[in-house]
């Protein structure tokens, strides 16, 4: 398997929503760009489904063209006392 997939972002609901807001698009407008339905975008953003295959690749291409950079803030780790 190629290492290229490791370099691609994992498209979770927060990242998809952030990309759409960065692009200033509605769900319908993003769906049109991706060639999918508005309901699909909604399902991704509500974490019912995750994009895969060509949809994930297209999201990555659109994000790269828009110079979208999304770094999730890691959850706070519980501090362990020695």
N, C-alpha and C. Protein backbone atom coordinates (compact mmCIF):
# COMPACT_ATOMS: atom_id res chain seq x y z
N UNK A 1 0.84 -1.19 0.00
CA UNK A 1 0.00 0.00 0.00
C UNK A 1 0.88 1.24 0.00
N UNK A 2 0.45 2.28 -0.64
CA UNK A 2 1.21 3.51 -0.79
C UNK A 2 1.24 4.32 0.50
N UNK A 3 2.31 5.08 0.68
CA UNK A 3 2.41 5.98 1.82
C UNK A 3 1.66 7.28 1.59
N UNK A 4 1.15 7.49 0.39
CA UNK A 4 0.44 8.73 0.08
C UNK A 4 -0.77 8.91 0.98
N UNK A 5 -1.46 7.85 1.35
CA UNK A 5 -2.64 7.96 2.20
C UNK A 5 -2.31 8.48 3.58
N UNK A 6 -1.09 8.24 4.05
CA UNK A 6 -0.69 8.73 5.36
C UNK A 6 -0.58 10.24 5.38
N UNK A 7 -0.28 10.85 4.22
CA UNK A 7 -0.12 12.30 4.13
C UNK A 7 -1.45 13.02 4.01
N UNK A 8 -2.48 12.31 3.69
CA UNK A 8 -3.80 12.93 3.52
C UNK A 8 -4.50 13.07 4.86
N UNK A 9 -5.24 14.17 5.02
CA UNK A 9 -5.97 14.33 6.28
C UNK A 9 -7.10 13.32 6.40
N UNK A 10 -7.41 12.98 7.62
CA UNK A 10 -8.57 12.14 7.88
C UNK A 10 -9.77 13.09 7.96
N UNK A 11 -10.75 12.85 7.14
CA UNK A 11 -11.89 13.76 7.06
C UNK A 11 -12.97 13.37 8.06
N UNK A 12 -12.92 14.02 9.23
CA UNK A 12 -13.95 13.82 10.23
C UNK A 12 -14.97 14.95 10.13
N UNK A 13 -16.01 14.88 10.92
CA UNK A 13 -17.10 15.85 10.82
C UNK A 13 -16.63 17.28 11.08
N UNK A 14 -15.76 17.47 12.06
CA UNK A 14 -15.28 18.81 12.39
C UNK A 14 -14.43 19.39 11.26
N UNK A 15 -13.59 18.57 10.69
CA UNK A 15 -12.72 19.04 9.62
C UNK A 15 -13.54 19.41 8.37
N UNK A 16 -14.54 18.61 8.05
CA UNK A 16 -15.39 18.90 6.88
C UNK A 16 -16.15 20.21 7.10
N UNK A 17 -16.71 20.36 8.28
CA UNK A 17 -17.45 21.58 8.59
C UNK A 17 -16.52 22.80 8.53
N UNK A 18 -15.31 22.67 9.09
CA UNK A 18 -14.35 23.77 9.07
C UNK A 18 -13.94 24.13 7.64
N UNK A 19 -13.74 23.11 6.78
CA UNK A 19 -13.41 23.38 5.39
C UNK A 19 -14.54 24.11 4.70
N UNK A 20 -15.74 23.66 4.92
CA UNK A 20 -16.89 24.32 4.27
C UNK A 20 -17.01 25.77 4.71
N UNK A 21 -16.81 26.02 6.00
CA UNK A 21 -16.87 27.41 6.50
C UNK A 21 -15.72 28.24 5.94
N UNK A 22 -14.54 27.63 5.83
CA UNK A 22 -13.39 28.32 5.25
C UNK A 22 -13.68 28.75 3.81
N UNK A 23 -14.36 27.88 3.08
CA UNK A 23 -14.72 28.16 1.69
C UNK A 23 -15.93 29.08 1.57
N UNK A 24 -16.60 29.32 2.71
CA UNK A 24 -17.82 30.12 2.75
C UNK A 24 -18.89 29.56 1.82
N UNK A 25 -19.10 28.24 1.94
CA UNK A 25 -20.09 27.55 1.12
C UNK A 25 -21.19 26.97 2.00
N UNK A 26 -22.36 26.84 1.41
CA UNK A 26 -23.43 26.10 2.07
C UNK A 26 -23.19 24.62 1.84
N UNK A 27 -23.92 23.79 2.53
CA UNK A 27 -23.81 22.35 2.29
C UNK A 27 -24.14 22.03 0.84
N UNK A 28 -25.15 22.68 0.32
CA UNK A 28 -25.56 22.43 -1.07
C UNK A 28 -24.45 22.82 -2.05
N UNK A 29 -23.82 23.96 -1.81
CA UNK A 29 -22.76 24.42 -2.70
C UNK A 29 -21.55 23.48 -2.66
N UNK A 30 -21.18 23.02 -1.46
CA UNK A 30 -20.08 22.07 -1.37
C UNK A 30 -20.45 20.75 -2.06
N UNK A 31 -21.68 20.33 -1.88
CA UNK A 31 -22.15 19.11 -2.54
C UNK A 31 -22.04 19.23 -4.06
N UNK A 32 -22.38 20.39 -4.60
CA UNK A 32 -22.28 20.59 -6.04
C UNK A 32 -20.83 20.49 -6.51
N UNK A 33 -19.91 21.05 -5.74
CA UNK A 33 -18.49 20.97 -6.09
C UNK A 33 -17.99 19.54 -6.09
N UNK A 34 -18.53 18.74 -5.18
CA UNK A 34 -18.08 17.36 -5.04
C UNK A 34 -18.88 16.39 -5.91
N UNK A 35 -19.98 16.87 -6.49
CA UNK A 35 -20.82 15.98 -7.30
C UNK A 35 -21.61 15.01 -6.46
N UNK A 36 -22.05 15.47 -5.30
CA UNK A 36 -22.82 14.61 -4.40
C UNK A 36 -24.07 15.37 -3.95
N UNK A 37 -24.80 14.78 -3.01
CA UNK A 37 -26.04 15.40 -2.53
C UNK A 37 -25.77 16.23 -1.28
N UNK A 38 -26.61 17.23 -1.05
CA UNK A 38 -26.51 18.04 0.17
C UNK A 38 -26.67 17.16 1.39
N UNK A 39 -27.53 16.17 1.32
CA UNK A 39 -27.75 15.25 2.44
C UNK A 39 -26.47 14.51 2.81
N UNK A 40 -25.66 14.19 1.82
CA UNK A 40 -24.39 13.51 2.09
C UNK A 40 -23.47 14.40 2.92
N UNK A 41 -23.39 15.68 2.56
CA UNK A 41 -22.56 16.62 3.32
C UNK A 41 -23.08 16.71 4.75
N UNK A 42 -24.38 16.78 4.90
CA UNK A 42 -24.99 16.83 6.23
C UNK A 42 -24.64 15.58 7.03
N UNK A 43 -24.70 14.43 6.40
CA UNK A 43 -24.37 13.18 7.08
C UNK A 43 -22.90 13.13 7.49
N UNK A 44 -22.03 13.70 6.68
CA UNK A 44 -20.61 13.77 7.05
C UNK A 44 -20.43 14.70 8.24
N UNK A 45 -21.09 15.85 8.20
CA UNK A 45 -20.92 16.85 9.25
C UNK A 45 -21.56 16.44 10.57
N UNK A 46 -22.51 15.55 10.53
CA UNK A 46 -23.14 15.07 11.76
C UNK A 46 -22.57 13.71 12.18
N UNK A 47 -21.51 13.30 11.49
CA UNK A 47 -20.78 12.08 11.83
C UNK A 47 -21.59 10.80 11.67
N UNK A 48 -22.57 10.84 10.78
CA UNK A 48 -23.32 9.62 10.47
C UNK A 48 -22.47 8.73 9.56
N UNK A 49 -21.83 9.38 8.59
CA UNK A 49 -20.92 8.68 7.68
C UNK A 49 -19.66 9.50 7.54
N UNK A 50 -18.61 8.87 7.00
CA UNK A 50 -17.36 9.56 6.71
C UNK A 50 -17.09 9.44 5.22
N UNK A 51 -16.53 10.47 4.62
CA UNK A 51 -16.20 10.37 3.20
C UNK A 51 -15.08 9.36 2.99
N UNK A 52 -15.14 8.67 1.89
CA UNK A 52 -14.09 7.70 1.56
C UNK A 52 -13.87 7.72 0.07
N UNK A 53 -12.82 7.08 -0.34
CA UNK A 53 -12.51 6.96 -1.76
C UNK A 53 -12.39 8.30 -2.46
N UNK A 54 -13.08 8.41 -3.58
CA UNK A 54 -12.99 9.60 -4.41
C UNK A 54 -13.46 10.85 -3.68
N UNK A 55 -14.47 10.72 -2.82
CA UNK A 55 -14.96 11.89 -2.08
C UNK A 55 -13.90 12.44 -1.14
N UNK A 56 -13.20 11.57 -0.45
CA UNK A 56 -12.14 12.01 0.45
C UNK A 56 -11.00 12.65 -0.34
N UNK A 57 -10.69 12.07 -1.49
CA UNK A 57 -9.64 12.64 -2.34
C UNK A 57 -10.04 14.02 -2.84
N UNK A 58 -11.28 14.17 -3.28
CA UNK A 58 -11.75 15.48 -3.75
C UNK A 58 -11.73 16.52 -2.63
N UNK A 59 -12.12 16.12 -1.42
CA UNK A 59 -12.05 17.04 -0.29
C UNK A 59 -10.61 17.51 -0.08
N UNK A 60 -9.67 16.59 -0.17
CA UNK A 60 -8.26 16.93 0.00
C UNK A 60 -7.78 17.89 -1.08
N UNK A 61 -8.19 17.65 -2.31
CA UNK A 61 -7.80 18.53 -3.42
C UNK A 61 -8.39 19.92 -3.23
N UNK A 62 -9.66 19.99 -2.88
CA UNK A 62 -10.31 21.28 -2.66
C UNK A 62 -9.63 22.02 -1.50
N UNK A 63 -9.33 21.29 -0.42
CA UNK A 63 -8.67 21.91 0.73
C UNK A 63 -7.29 22.45 0.34
N UNK A 64 -6.55 21.68 -0.43
CA UNK A 64 -5.22 22.12 -0.85
C UNK A 64 -5.30 23.36 -1.72
N UNK A 65 -6.24 23.37 -2.66
CA UNK A 65 -6.39 24.53 -3.55
C UNK A 65 -6.80 25.78 -2.78
N UNK A 66 -7.57 25.58 -1.70
CA UNK A 66 -8.04 26.71 -0.89
C UNK A 66 -7.03 27.08 0.20
N UNK A 67 -5.90 26.38 0.22
CA UNK A 67 -4.88 26.60 1.26
C UNK A 67 -5.48 26.46 2.65
N UNK A 68 -6.29 25.44 2.79
CA UNK A 68 -6.97 25.16 4.06
C UNK A 68 -6.05 24.33 4.94
N UNK A 69 -5.82 24.82 6.13
CA UNK A 69 -4.99 24.10 7.09
C UNK A 69 -5.80 23.92 8.36
N UNK A 70 -6.00 22.68 8.73
CA UNK A 70 -6.81 22.39 9.91
C UNK A 70 -6.04 21.48 10.83
N UNK A 71 -5.78 21.97 11.99
CA UNK A 71 -5.11 21.17 13.01
C UNK A 71 -6.07 21.04 14.17
N UNK A 72 -6.50 19.85 14.44
CA UNK A 72 -7.40 19.63 15.56
C UNK A 72 -6.62 19.82 16.86
N UNK A 73 -7.26 20.40 17.82
CA UNK A 73 -6.64 20.56 19.13
C UNK A 73 -6.80 19.23 19.85
N UNK A 74 -5.69 18.63 20.25
CA UNK A 74 -5.82 17.33 20.92
C UNK A 74 -6.55 17.47 22.24
N UNK A 75 -7.28 16.44 22.65
CA UNK A 75 -7.99 16.51 23.92
C UNK A 75 -6.99 16.63 25.06
N UNK A 76 -7.40 17.31 26.10
CA UNK A 76 -6.53 17.46 27.26
C UNK A 76 -6.30 16.12 27.90
N UNK A 77 -5.03 15.86 28.14
CA UNK A 77 -4.68 14.60 28.78
C UNK A 77 -4.82 14.75 30.29
N UNK A 78 -5.25 13.71 30.90
CA UNK A 78 -5.35 13.71 32.34
C UNK A 78 -3.95 13.67 32.92
N UNK A 79 -3.68 14.62 33.77
CA UNK A 79 -2.36 14.66 34.39
C UNK A 79 -2.24 13.57 35.44
N UNK A 80 -1.20 12.81 35.30
CA UNK A 80 -0.97 11.72 36.25
C UNK A 80 0.04 12.19 37.28
N UNK A 81 -0.30 12.02 38.52
CA UNK A 81 0.62 12.39 39.58
C UNK A 81 1.52 11.20 39.86
N UNK A 82 2.84 11.47 40.07
CA UNK A 82 3.78 10.37 40.33
C UNK A 82 3.53 9.70 41.65
